[in-house]
């Protein structure tokens, strides 16, 4: 994987470059009518759906929190609440997620968000040498080591995905 330049790119790729992380950007053709963003990325890039992680924003006890789970699975809101030390979590309002992150739905990256939020990465990411997450826009994924994803987002890892 190669480091990217910091002078251009998305906030996610700029943040990775500034942090000195090694990563690879993977563009693909996004169809405007497709709202299954993660599935589309997996299909277009030919990558297992367990290695492509979607970024979801939840309201955990009144605080926005980022959850990063494999496209092949769903977010377990109770598990997310437990991981965050709360009793309850629910999906955040999409407009609030966009405002907080600075990204559009389908392109929300856990990296380089406008307002850094507590982040939980599903522990399944640690089983891979590299994983893919949104690079900050539809049709663009970034591949990086799970440890680097956790480090750059200051995340914790926990079992937060369910089938």
Protein backbone atom coordinates (compact mmCIF):
# COMPACT_ATOMS: atom_id res chain seq x y z
CA UNK A 1 0.00 0.00 0.00
CA UNK A 2 1.18 3.52 -0.69
CA UNK A 3 0.90 6.73 1.24
CA UNK A 4 -1.14 9.40 -0.47
CA UNK A 5 -0.39 13.12 -0.75
CA UNK A 6 -1.81 15.40 1.93
CA UNK A 7 -2.42 18.32 -0.41
CA UNK A 8 -5.48 16.80 -2.07
CA UNK A 9 -8.09 14.17 -1.46
CA UNK A 10 -10.87 13.77 1.01
CA UNK A 11 -10.64 14.72 4.69
CA UNK A 12 -10.19 10.99 5.37
CA UNK A 13 -7.19 10.56 3.08
CA UNK A 14 -5.68 13.85 4.26
CA UNK A 15 -6.03 12.71 7.90
CA UNK A 16 -4.40 9.37 7.10
CA UNK A 17 -1.50 11.06 5.33
CA UNK A 18 -0.97 13.54 8.15
CA UNK A 19 -0.95 10.64 10.62
CA UNK A 20 1.71 8.89 8.54
CA UNK A 21 -0.52 5.88 7.91
CA UNK A 22 -0.03 3.51 4.99
CA UNK A 23 -3.18 3.09 2.91
CA UNK A 24 -4.49 2.50 -0.60
CA UNK A 25 -7.38 4.35 -2.21
CA UNK A 26 -9.80 2.26 -4.29
CA UNK A 27 -12.17 4.20 -6.57
CA UNK A 28 -15.14 2.46 -8.16
CA UNK A 29 -18.18 3.42 -10.22
CA UNK A 30 -21.06 4.43 -7.95
CA UNK A 31 -24.54 4.27 -9.48
CA UNK A 32 -26.64 7.18 -8.18
CA UNK A 33 -29.72 4.98 -7.83
CA UNK A 34 -27.86 2.46 -5.63
CA UNK A 35 -28.33 3.01 -1.90
CA UNK A 36 -26.71 -0.27 -0.82
CA UNK A 37 -23.36 1.51 -0.71
CA UNK A 38 -21.29 -1.15 1.03
CA UNK A 39 -22.64 -4.00 -1.10
CA UNK A 40 -21.95 -1.94 -4.19
CA UNK A 41 -18.35 -1.33 -3.08
CA UNK A 42 -17.80 -5.03 -2.37
CA UNK A 43 -19.17 -6.02 -5.76
CA UNK A 44 -17.35 -3.32 -7.73
CA UNK A 45 -14.02 -3.96 -6.00
CA UNK A 46 -14.35 -7.74 -5.83
CA UNK A 47 -13.77 -7.75 -2.08
CA UNK A 48 -15.39 -10.02 0.52
CA UNK A 49 -18.30 -8.24 2.27
CA UNK A 50 -16.70 -9.15 5.61
CA UNK A 51 -13.63 -6.98 4.80
CA UNK A 52 -15.60 -3.89 3.78
CA UNK A 53 -16.83 -1.98 6.80
CA UNK A 54 -19.70 0.48 6.86
CA UNK A 55 -19.71 3.56 9.03
CA UNK A 56 -22.88 4.13 11.02
CA UNK A 57 -23.65 6.94 13.44
CA UNK A 58 -25.73 6.15 16.50
CA UNK A 59 -27.07 8.14 19.40
CA UNK A 60 -25.70 6.46 22.52
CA UNK A 61 -27.24 7.93 25.65
CA UNK A 62 -27.55 11.33 23.98
CA UNK A 63 -24.05 11.34 22.44
CA UNK A 64 -23.32 10.68 18.78
CA UNK A 65 -21.05 7.65 18.39
CA UNK A 66 -19.52 6.06 15.30
CA UNK A 67 -19.92 2.31 14.77
CA UNK A 68 -17.82 0.53 12.14
CA UNK A 69 -19.18 -2.89 11.19
CA UNK A 70 -18.78 -5.29 8.26
CA UNK A 71 -21.15 -4.76 5.34
CA UNK A 72 -22.11 -8.44 5.66
CA UNK A 73 -23.54 -7.82 9.15
CA UNK A 74 -25.83 -5.48 11.05
CA UNK A 75 -25.03 -3.19 13.96
CA UNK A 76 -26.13 -4.61 17.32
CA UNK A 77 -27.29 -1.45 19.09
CA UNK A 78 -27.36 -3.12 22.52
CA UNK A 79 -23.77 -4.29 22.06
CA UNK A 80 -22.75 -0.79 20.95
CA UNK A 81 -24.37 0.72 24.05
CA UNK A 82 -22.52 -1.79 26.27
CA UNK A 83 -19.21 -1.05 24.53
CA UNK A 84 -19.78 2.67 25.09
CA UNK A 85 -20.74 2.17 28.74
CA UNK A 86 -24.39 3.10 28.24
CA UNK A 87 -27.74 1.37 28.55
CA UNK A 88 -29.31 2.36 25.25
CA UNK A 89 -28.38 3.24 21.69
CA UNK A 90 -30.43 4.08 18.62
CA UNK A 91 -29.54 5.08 15.10
CA UNK A 92 -28.84 8.80 14.82
CA UNK A 93 -30.86 11.09 12.62
CA UNK A 94 -29.23 10.96 9.15
CA UNK A 95 -29.06 14.77 8.98
CA UNK A 96 -27.24 14.86 12.32
CA UNK A 97 -24.79 12.22 11.09
CA UNK A 98 -24.05 14.24 7.96
CA UNK A 99 -23.67 17.52 9.88
CA UNK A 100 -21.38 16.01 12.48
CA UNK A 101 -19.20 14.04 10.06
CA UNK A 102 -19.04 16.53 7.20
CA UNK A 103 -19.75 13.68 4.80
CA UNK A 104 -22.84 12.64 2.80
CA UNK A 105 -24.75 9.43 3.49
CA UNK A 106 -23.12 6.57 1.67
CA UNK A 107 -19.80 8.36 1.92
CA UNK A 108 -19.42 8.80 5.67
CA UNK A 109 -15.92 7.77 6.67
CA UNK A 110 -14.93 7.03 10.24
CA UNK A 111 -11.70 8.92 9.46
CA UNK A 112 -11.33 12.70 9.22
CA UNK A 113 -14.76 13.58 10.52
CA UNK A 114 -15.56 17.26 11.03
CA UNK A 115 -16.41 16.58 14.69
CA UNK A 116 -14.39 13.66 16.11
CA UNK A 117 -16.76 11.25 17.82
CA UNK A 118 -16.27 8.24 20.07
CA UNK A 119 -15.74 5.31 17.70
CA UNK A 120 -16.20 1.56 18.09
CA UNK A 121 -14.81 -0.81 15.45
CA UNK A 122 -16.24 -4.33 15.37
CA UNK A 123 -13.62 -6.76 16.63
CA UNK A 124 -13.93 -8.87 13.45
CA UNK A 125 -11.74 -6.27 11.69
CA UNK A 126 -8.77 -7.56 13.65
CA UNK A 127 -8.93 -10.91 11.80
CA UNK A 128 -7.72 -9.27 8.57
CA UNK A 129 -4.41 -7.80 7.46
CA UNK A 130 -6.34 -4.93 5.84
CA UNK A 131 -9.93 -3.71 5.79
CA UNK A 132 -11.82 -1.23 3.64
CA UNK A 133 -13.83 1.78 4.83
CA UNK A 134 -15.29 4.75 3.02
CA UNK A 135 -12.68 7.27 1.99
CA UNK A 136 -15.18 10.09 2.42
CA UNK A 137 -17.30 10.01 -0.70
CA UNK A 138 -19.48 7.60 -2.60
CA UNK A 139 -17.43 5.51 -4.99
CA UNK A 140 -14.21 5.68 -2.99
CA UNK A 141 -12.88 3.22 -0.41
CA UNK A 142 -9.63 3.28 1.54
CA UNK A 143 -7.80 0.08 2.47
CA UNK A 144 -5.68 0.07 5.62
CA UNK A 145 -4.57 -2.10 8.51
CA UNK A 146 -7.25 -2.46 11.21
CA UNK A 147 -4.77 -1.31 13.86
CA UNK A 148 -4.22 1.89 11.86
CA UNK A 149 -7.99 2.43 11.55
CA UNK A 150 -8.34 2.05 15.31
CA UNK A 151 -5.37 4.33 15.98
CA UNK A 152 -6.35 7.16 13.61
CA UNK A 153 -9.96 7.22 14.87
CA UNK A 154 -8.96 6.65 18.51
CA UNK A 155 -11.47 3.83 18.52
CA UNK A 156 -12.04 0.89 20.76
CA UNK A 157 -12.70 -2.57 19.39
CA UNK A 158 -15.66 -4.60 20.59
CA UNK A 159 -18.13 -7.21 19.32
CA UNK A 160 -20.84 -4.88 17.96
CA UNK A 161 -21.96 -6.71 14.80
CA UNK A 162 -24.69 -9.30 14.44
CA UNK A 163 -25.85 -11.41 11.50
